[in-house]
Protein backbone atom coordinates (compact mmCIF):
# COMPACT_ATOMS: atom_id res chain seq x y z
CA MET A 1 0.00 0.00 0.00
CA PHE A 2 2.85 2.40 0.85
CA LYS A 3 6.24 2.73 -0.79
CA ASN A 4 7.90 3.21 2.59
CA LYS A 5 5.86 1.58 5.34
CA ALA A 6 8.37 2.39 8.09
CA SER A 7 8.16 6.10 7.26
CA TYR A 8 4.35 6.00 7.19
CA TRP A 9 4.03 4.34 10.59
CA THR A 10 6.74 6.50 12.17
CA PHE A 11 5.10 9.76 11.17
CA SER A 12 1.62 8.44 11.87
CA GLY A 13 2.87 7.84 15.41
CA PHE A 14 4.47 11.28 15.41
CA PHE A 15 1.13 12.85 14.51
CA TYR A 16 -0.60 10.80 17.21
CA PHE A 17 1.62 11.95 20.09
CA TYR A 18 1.84 15.54 18.85
CA PHE A 19 -1.93 15.85 18.82
CA VAL A 20 -2.23 14.16 22.21
CA SER A 21 -0.05 16.96 23.59
CA PHE A 22 -1.82 19.61 21.51
CA SER A 23 -5.27 18.46 22.64
CA PHE A 24 -4.48 18.32 26.35
CA ALA A 25 -3.12 21.87 26.16
CA MET A 26 -5.61 23.55 23.86
CA SER A 27 -8.90 21.63 23.49
CA LEU A 28 -10.28 23.28 26.65
CA PHE A 29 -8.33 26.51 26.31
CA GLY A 30 -11.48 28.67 26.06
CA ILE A 31 -12.84 27.09 29.24
CA TRP A 32 -9.45 27.52 30.93
CA LEU A 33 -9.47 31.24 30.15
CA LYS A 34 -12.93 31.64 31.66
CA GLN A 35 -12.79 29.33 34.69
CA ALA A 36 -9.08 29.39 35.61
CA ALA A 37 -8.01 32.84 34.43
CA GLY A 38 -11.39 34.45 35.17
CA LEU A 39 -11.85 36.22 31.81
CA ASP A 40 -15.23 37.21 30.35
CA GLY A 41 -16.24 36.79 26.70
CA ALA A 42 -14.80 40.11 25.53
CA GLN A 43 -11.49 39.54 27.35
CA THR A 44 -11.28 36.04 25.93
CA GLY A 45 -11.81 37.51 22.47
CA ILE A 46 -8.92 39.92 23.13
CA VAL A 47 -6.64 37.03 24.12
CA PHE A 48 -7.51 35.10 20.96
CA ALA A 49 -7.00 38.21 18.84
CA ILE A 50 -3.53 38.86 20.31
CA ASN A 51 -2.73 35.17 19.82
CA SER A 52 -3.68 35.67 16.18
CA VAL A 53 -1.40 38.72 15.84
CA ALA A 54 1.54 36.68 17.14
CA ALA A 55 0.68 33.90 14.71
CA LEU A 56 0.66 36.46 11.89
CA CYS A 57 4.29 37.19 12.68
CA ILE A 58 5.37 33.56 13.02
CA HIS A 59 3.43 31.97 10.11
CA PRO A 60 5.55 33.59 7.35
CA LEU A 61 8.76 32.91 9.30
CA TYR A 62 7.91 29.24 9.73
CA GLY A 63 6.76 29.01 6.10
CA VAL A 64 10.01 30.32 4.63
CA LEU A 65 12.09 28.31 7.12
CA SER A 66 10.18 25.13 6.23
CA ASP A 67 10.84 25.61 2.52
CA LYS A 68 14.49 26.50 3.19
CA LEU A 69 15.13 23.56 5.54
CA GLY A 70 13.24 21.03 3.48
CA LEU A 71 13.45 17.69 5.31
CA ARG A 72 15.95 18.78 7.93
CA LYS A 73 14.66 18.45 11.49
CA HIS A 74 15.78 21.70 13.12
CA LEU A 75 12.43 23.51 13.19
CA LEU A 76 10.53 20.49 14.52
CA TRP A 77 13.03 20.02 17.33
CA LEU A 78 12.38 23.63 18.36
CA ILE A 79 8.63 22.94 18.47
CA ILE A 80 9.15 19.80 20.56
CA VAL A 81 11.24 21.75 23.09
CA LEU A 82 8.50 24.38 23.31
CA LEU A 83 5.90 21.65 23.88
CA LEU A 84 8.05 20.27 26.68
CA SER A 85 7.90 23.62 28.49
CA ALA A 86 4.07 23.90 28.37
CA GLY A 87 3.43 22.94 32.00
CA PRO A 88 6.02 25.22 33.63
CA PHE A 89 5.19 28.10 31.31
CA VAL A 90 1.45 28.10 32.04
CA GLU A 91 1.83 27.40 35.77
CA PHE A 92 4.51 29.94 36.59
CA VAL A 93 4.37 32.54 33.81
CA TYR A 94 1.20 32.69 31.72
CA SER A 95 -1.51 32.22 34.34
CA PRO A 96 -0.04 34.71 36.87
CA LEU A 97 0.50 37.31 34.15
CA LEU A 98 -3.07 37.05 32.84
CA GLN A 99 -4.45 37.60 36.33
CA LYS A 100 -2.23 40.62 37.02
CA ASN A 101 -2.22 42.30 33.59
CA ILE A 102 -4.30 40.82 30.79
CA TRP A 103 -2.47 42.74 28.06
CA LEU A 104 1.00 41.71 29.16
CA GLY A 105 -0.11 38.14 29.83
CA ALA A 106 -1.83 37.89 26.47
CA LEU A 107 1.22 39.28 24.68
CA VAL A 108 3.73 36.92 26.31
CA GLY A 109 1.41 33.95 26.01
CA SER A 110 0.62 34.66 22.38
CA LEU A 111 4.25 34.33 21.32
CA TYR A 112 4.56 30.98 23.05
CA LEU A 113 1.19 29.61 21.89
CA ALA A 114 1.70 30.68 18.28
CA ALA A 115 5.22 29.26 18.03
CA THR A 116 4.21 26.00 19.73
CA PHE A 117 0.68 25.28 18.56
CA THR A 118 -0.77 27.56 15.89
CA SER A 119 2.23 27.99 13.61
CA GLY A 120 3.94 24.92 15.06
CA ASN A 121 1.06 22.70 14.01
CA ALA A 122 1.18 24.06 10.46
CA ALA A 123 4.96 23.58 10.24
CA ILE A 124 4.61 19.96 11.36
CA GLU A 125 1.83 19.32 8.86
CA THR A 126 3.84 20.67 5.92
CA PHE A 127 6.90 18.68 7.04
CA VAL A 128 4.97 15.39 7.12
CA GLU A 129 3.26 16.26 3.82
CA LYS A 130 6.71 16.55 2.22
CA ILE A 131 7.72 13.22 3.75
CA GLY A 132 4.55 11.67 2.33
CA ARG A 133 5.30 13.05 -1.13
CA LYS A 134 8.82 11.58 -1.02
CA ASP A 135 7.95 8.24 0.58
CA GLY A 136 4.70 7.62 -1.27
CA PHE A 137 1.97 7.70 1.37
CA GLU A 138 -1.20 9.73 1.61
CA TYR A 139 -0.86 12.69 3.94
CA GLY A 140 -4.49 12.37 5.01
CA GLN A 141 -4.04 8.76 6.05
CA ALA A 142 -1.12 9.71 8.30
CA ARG A 143 -2.97 12.77 9.61
CA MET A 144 -5.79 10.41 10.62
CA PHE A 145 -3.62 9.31 13.55
CA GLY A 146 -3.41 12.93 14.64
CA SER A 147 -7.20 12.92 14.94
CA LEU A 148 -7.02 9.71 16.95
CA GLY A 149 -4.46 11.31 19.26
CA TRP A 150 -6.69 14.35 19.71
CA ALA A 151 -9.67 12.10 20.48
CA THR A 152 -7.67 10.08 23.01
CA ALA A 153 -6.67 13.22 24.87
CA THR A 154 -10.07 14.93 24.78
CA PHE A 155 -11.74 11.84 26.28
CA PHE A 156 -9.75 12.48 29.46
CA ALA A 157 -9.14 16.25 29.18
CA GLY A 158 -12.43 17.28 30.79
CA GLN A 159 -11.86 14.96 33.74
CA THR A 160 -8.25 16.01 34.33
CA PHE A 161 -9.25 19.66 33.98
CA ASN A 162 -11.73 19.18 36.82
CA ILE A 163 -8.90 17.84 38.99
CA SER A 164 -6.69 20.86 38.32
CA ALA A 165 -7.05 23.57 35.69
CA ASN A 166 -3.31 23.51 34.85
CA LEU A 167 -2.87 19.73 34.92
CA ASN A 168 -3.54 19.34 31.20
CA PHE A 169 -0.56 21.54 30.34
CA TRP A 170 1.72 19.35 32.45
CA ILE A 171 0.40 16.28 30.62
CA CYS A 172 1.26 18.10 27.39
CA SER A 173 4.86 18.31 28.60
CA ILE A 174 4.90 14.57 29.32
CA GLY A 175 3.56 13.87 25.84
CA ALA A 176 6.36 15.98 24.37
CA ILE A 177 8.94 13.64 25.94
CA ILE A 178 7.44 10.65 24.11
CA LEU A 179 7.22 12.71 20.91
CA GLY A 180 10.88 13.68 21.17
CA ILE A 181 11.99 10.06 21.62
CA LEU A 182 9.99 8.99 18.57
CA PHE A 183 11.35 11.85 16.46
CA TYR A 184 14.92 11.12 17.52
CA PHE A 185 14.69 7.59 16.11
CA SER A 186 12.85 8.61 12.93
CA ARG A 187 14.81 8.27 9.71
CA VAL A 188 14.55 11.21 7.36
CA ASP A 189 16.82 11.33 4.32
CA SER A 190 17.50 15.02 3.83
CA ASN A 191 20.35 14.43 1.36
CA GLN A 192 17.98 14.95 -1.54
CA GLU A 193 17.65 18.53 -0.42
CA GLN A 194 21.40 19.04 -0.87
CA THR A 195 21.77 17.97 -4.49
CA PRO A 196 22.79 20.65 -7.05
CA GLN A 197 19.39 20.29 -8.70
CA ALA A 198 17.61 20.81 -5.38
CA LYS A 199 19.70 23.87 -4.66
CA SER A 200 18.97 25.37 -8.06
CA ASP A 201 15.27 24.69 -7.55
CA GLY A 202 15.20 26.13 -4.02
CA ILE A 203 12.81 28.85 -2.98
CA LYS A 204 13.72 32.33 -4.21
CA LEU A 205 12.38 35.82 -3.55
CA SER A 206 11.05 35.86 -7.12
CA ASP A 207 8.89 32.83 -6.27
CA ILE A 208 7.25 34.79 -3.44
CA THR A 209 6.66 37.93 -5.53
CA GLU A 210 5.25 35.82 -8.35
CA LEU A 211 2.90 34.19 -5.86
CA LEU A 212 1.64 37.57 -4.66
CA ARG A 213 0.89 38.62 -8.26
CA ASN A 214 -1.09 35.46 -8.94
CA ARG A 215 -4.88 35.98 -9.18
CA LYS A 216 -5.43 32.40 -8.01
CA PHE A 217 -3.57 33.21 -4.79
CA TRP A 218 -5.93 36.06 -3.90
CA ALA A 219 -9.02 34.03 -4.79
CA PHE A 220 -7.75 31.34 -2.44
CA VAL A 221 -7.08 33.93 0.28
CA MET A 222 -10.65 35.23 -0.08
CA TYR A 223 -11.96 31.73 0.57
CA ILE A 224 -9.76 31.37 3.66
CA VAL A 225 -10.79 34.77 5.05
CA GLY A 226 -14.47 34.21 4.34
CA VAL A 227 -14.85 30.54 5.19
CA THR A 228 -12.12 28.55 6.93
CA CYS A 229 -11.13 31.20 9.49
CA ILE A 230 -14.70 31.06 10.85
CA PHE A 231 -14.46 27.49 12.10
CA THR A 232 -11.45 28.55 14.20
CA ILE A 233 -13.36 31.49 15.66
CA TYR A 234 -16.40 29.26 16.22
CA ASP A 235 -14.31 26.65 18.04
CA GLN A 236 -12.58 29.19 20.28
CA GLN A 237 -15.52 29.70 22.64
CA PHE A 238 -17.82 26.82 21.65
CA PRO A 239 -16.66 24.80 24.73
CA VAL A 240 -17.84 27.69 26.93
CA TYR A 241 -21.25 27.72 25.24
CA PHE A 242 -21.68 23.94 25.26
CA SER A 243 -20.64 23.50 28.89
CA SER A 244 -23.07 26.28 29.91
CA LEU A 245 -26.00 24.17 28.67
CA PHE A 246 -25.55 21.70 31.54
CA GLU A 247 -26.40 21.87 35.25
CA SER A 248 -22.87 22.66 36.43
CA PRO A 249 -19.52 23.66 34.86
CA GLU A 250 -17.99 20.34 35.97
CA ILE A 251 -20.64 18.30 34.13
CA GLY A 252 -20.34 20.59 31.10
CA ASN A 253 -16.55 20.24 30.99
CA ARG A 254 -16.79 16.47 31.16
CA MET A 255 -19.54 16.25 28.53
CA TYR A 256 -17.62 18.51 26.17
CA GLY A 257 -14.61 16.23 26.53
CA TYR A 258 -16.76 13.25 25.54
CA LEU A 259 -18.31 15.16 22.62
CA ASN A 260 -14.92 16.24 21.34
CA CYS A 261 -13.66 12.67 21.62
CA VAL A 262 -16.56 11.26 19.58
CA GLN A 263 -16.25 14.03 17.00
CA VAL A 264 -12.53 13.53 16.47
CA LEU A 265 -12.85 9.73 16.27
CA ALA A 266 -15.38 10.22 13.49
CA GLU A 267 -13.07 12.82 11.97
CA ALA A 268 -10.23 10.27 11.93
CA GLY A 269 -12.31 7.85 9.88
CA CYS A 270 -13.29 10.61 7.48
CA MET A 271 -9.67 11.76 7.24
CA PHE A 272 -8.78 8.29 5.89
CA ILE A 273 -11.34 8.44 3.07
CA ALA A 274 -11.26 12.19 2.37
CA PRO A 275 -8.30 12.02 -0.10
CA MET A 276 -10.26 9.57 -2.27
CA ILE A 277 -13.40 11.71 -2.16
CA VAL A 278 -11.56 14.92 -3.01
CA SER A 279 -9.64 13.20 -5.83
CA LYS A 280 -12.99 12.22 -7.34
CA ILE A 281 -14.78 15.55 -7.04
CA GLY A 282 -11.77 17.89 -7.37
CA SER A 283 -10.24 20.28 -4.89
CA LYS A 284 -12.46 23.25 -5.76
CA ARG A 285 -15.66 21.28 -5.24
CA GLY A 286 -14.17 19.92 -2.03
CA LEU A 287 -13.61 23.45 -0.76
CA ILE A 288 -17.14 24.50 -1.67
CA LEU A 289 -18.59 21.36 -0.08
CA GLY A 290 -16.63 22.10 3.11
CA GLY A 291 -17.96 25.67 3.14
CA ALA A 292 -21.55 24.50 2.67
CA LEU A 293 -21.26 21.99 5.52
CA MET A 294 -19.76 24.66 7.77
CA CYS A 295 -22.61 27.03 6.99
CA ILE A 296 -25.16 24.33 7.90
CA ARG A 297 -23.31 23.35 11.07
CA ILE A 298 -22.91 26.86 12.48
CA THR A 299 -26.45 27.93 11.54
CA CYS A 300 -27.95 24.82 13.14
CA SER A 301 -25.90 25.47 16.29
CA GLY A 302 -27.70 28.80 16.55
CA LEU A 303 -31.13 27.26 16.02
CA ALA A 304 -30.74 24.29 18.39
CA GLU A 305 -31.43 24.76 22.10
CA ASP A 306 -31.13 21.24 23.53
CA PRO A 307 -27.49 20.33 24.33
CA TRP A 308 -27.84 17.01 22.51
CA LEU A 309 -29.02 18.76 19.34
CA VAL A 310 -26.12 21.19 19.64
CA ALA A 311 -23.81 18.18 20.00
CA ALA A 312 -25.31 16.61 16.88
CA THR A 313 -24.65 19.74 14.83
CA LYS A 314 -21.06 19.82 16.07
CA LEU A 315 -20.52 16.31 14.70
CA ILE A 316 -20.97 17.64 11.15
CA HIS A 317 -17.45 18.96 11.68
CA SER A 318 -16.22 15.34 11.53
CA PHE A 319 -16.78 15.19 7.76
CA GLU A 320 -16.48 18.89 6.98
CA LEU A 321 -12.95 19.39 8.33
CA PRO A 322 -11.22 16.46 6.55
CA VAL A 323 -12.81 17.34 3.20
CA MET A 324 -11.85 21.00 3.55
CA PHE A 325 -8.38 20.26 4.90
CA ILE A 326 -7.46 17.75 2.21
CA SER A 327 -8.93 20.02 -0.46
CA ILE A 328 -6.68 22.86 0.70
CA PHE A 329 -3.55 20.72 0.31
CA LYS A 330 -4.69 19.39 -3.08
CA TYR A 331 -5.65 22.86 -4.29
CA ILE A 332 -2.23 24.22 -3.33
CA GLY A 333 -0.48 21.23 -4.94
CA TYR A 334 -2.41 21.60 -8.19
CA HIS A 335 -2.41 25.36 -8.67
CA PHE A 336 0.86 26.58 -7.12
CA ASN A 337 4.62 25.97 -7.45
CA LYS A 338 5.71 23.16 -5.13
CA ARG A 339 8.89 25.06 -4.21
CA VAL A 340 6.69 27.39 -2.17
CA SER A 341 4.26 24.76 -0.82
CA SER A 342 5.07 25.46 2.84
CA THR A 343 5.02 29.22 2.29
CA MET A 344 1.74 28.92 0.45
CA TYR A 345 0.24 26.87 3.27
CA LEU A 346 1.49 29.06 6.12
CA VAL A 347 0.90 32.39 4.34
CA GLY A 348 -1.96 31.72 1.93
CA TYR A 349 -3.89 29.56 4.39
CA GLN A 350 -2.66 30.08 7.95
CA PHE A 351 -1.56 33.73 7.73
CA SER A 352 -4.63 35.03 5.90
CA GLY A 353 -7.00 33.05 8.13
CA THR A 354 -5.23 34.32 11.22
CA LEU A 355 -5.35 37.92 9.96
CA ALA A 356 -9.11 37.60 9.60
CA SER A 357 -9.29 36.21 13.14
CA VAL A 358 -7.46 39.26 14.49
CA VAL A 359 -10.32 41.42 13.23
CA LEU A 360 -13.23 39.07 13.83
CA ALA A 361 -12.41 37.37 17.18
CA PRO A 362 -12.92 40.50 19.35
CA VAL A 363 -16.09 41.38 17.42
CA VAL A 364 -17.50 37.90 17.88
CA GLY A 365 -16.51 37.97 21.56
CA GLN A 366 -18.46 41.19 22.03
CA LEU A 367 -21.45 39.69 20.23
CA TYR A 368 -21.40 36.65 22.52
CA ASP A 369 -21.68 38.98 25.53
CA SER A 370 -24.27 41.32 24.02
CA ILE A 371 -26.67 39.16 21.97
CA GLY A 372 -25.73 35.62 23.05
CA PHE A 373 -24.20 32.62 21.35
CA SER A 374 -27.26 31.53 19.36
CA ARG A 375 -27.80 34.79 17.49
CA THR A 376 -24.08 35.19 16.92
CA TYR A 377 -23.94 31.74 15.34
CA LEU A 378 -26.74 32.69 12.94
CA MET A 379 -24.75 35.75 11.84
CA MET A 380 -21.60 33.65 11.42
CA GLY A 381 -23.51 31.11 9.33
CA ALA A 382 -24.75 33.87 7.02
CA TYR A 383 -21.19 35.20 6.68
CA VAL A 384 -19.89 31.77 5.64
CA PHE A 385 -22.76 31.32 3.16
CA VAL A 386 -21.98 34.60 1.36
CA PHE A 387 -18.27 33.83 0.97
CA THR A 388 -18.90 30.23 -0.07
CA VAL A 389 -21.09 31.48 -2.93
CA ILE A 390 -18.45 34.06 -3.93
CA SER A 391 -15.69 31.43 -3.84
CA ALA A 392 -17.71 29.10 -6.06
CA CYS A 393 -17.30 31.78 -8.72
CA THR A 394 -13.70 32.85 -8.07
CA LEU A 395 -11.76 29.67 -7.22
CA SER A 396 -10.09 27.87 -10.11
CA GLY A 397 -11.28 24.37 -10.87
CA THR A 398 -9.42 21.17 -11.68
CA ARG A 399 -10.47 19.22 -14.73
CA THR A 400 -10.38 15.50 -13.98
CA GLU A 401 -8.96 13.02 -11.50
CA ARG A 402 -6.37 12.14 -14.13
CA ASP A 403 -5.24 15.75 -14.21
CA LEU A 404 -4.84 15.67 -10.42
CA ASN A 405 -2.71 12.54 -10.64
CA GLU A 406 -0.55 13.94 -13.42
CA THR A 407 0.41 16.90 -11.27
CA ARG A 408 1.80 14.40 -8.72
CA GLY A 409 0.26 16.66 -6.10
CA VAL A 410 0.88 16.66 -2.38
CA LEU A 411 -1.54 13.84 -1.64
CA HIS A 412 -0.91 11.56 -4.64
CA VAL A 413 0.34 8.04 -3.92
CA GLU A 414 2.89 6.61 -6.35
CA HIS A 415 2.17 2.96 -7.08
């Protein structure tokens, strides 16, 4: 099935343990800000916005570094070290600063969180995608284990959070130790990156300027700003909303952990089949399908009142995210120069989506406080609908599955 089975299983395991650490630290982050740090909805929106500003600075840096380093491990080792420091950082630095001065705490925390999780996650994904291209395995089928790792952690995250609000960050540090051991023994042949041909084909400033002049780039950015950035904003404070629907915060925290676990398990299964679906329908249709599902999910969240109906709408995410995520990688691989694949992903996708979050997160936070979650979700659903329709007209299509295969795109398996 795979050209290099050892590489596939190694980096599937890498994804698993990275997302275990990621999930323990961040799956209940919105609840942590409210219950542990004592922030209201507007203050939480400010924290997320400042986090987004920091990510704006780090996304391009990580993107260019990833394309420059190729398959060398330096950047990922930095991310692992940052993961290892999660527990001490939150316990002794971040939490005290937020309680004394929200602006200073948010600023210091944003640099750490962006470098470790937001931009760090994207750098890891592009690294493994390059490994998959070289070793002949589907990125989505390795990323599936990341979803399983997230589900494993979220099943317990609500319970451990109830024991101690900072405990999950210490568990993140423990997970980073296992991740580092696995990465140390992974075999990555970076010699290909050092050949004369590779050097001559390396990323250049002209590649970046050409990208910025490309109409397809800006159409893609419009889709990211109008559609995909919304699911991040939606997820930021959804745990707060969902847990508030139950009799006590403790029950709500635990139930959200179970919901997130079920959702991500379903997401893992969909992540396995999503590359085949997107190859059949094309990356543009995959992006539009993802936008339509997001619109339905967020709108229904605003209409539903029973917590179990809200949970059911959240599960739509299980199919929506893999289709959208795989479509993004395929769209980039088909329409843009592969020398700038990491830059395209971290700038075209992550940077532009984060920039939109800087503007929208505080606004949405204010709306949560003033008109409530339900009405805000209806407005967000309408926003996604409008941009999905616009993107259906502006995104460039792919012709056939054969065309996708001939490009030898980022998710194509060589047989």
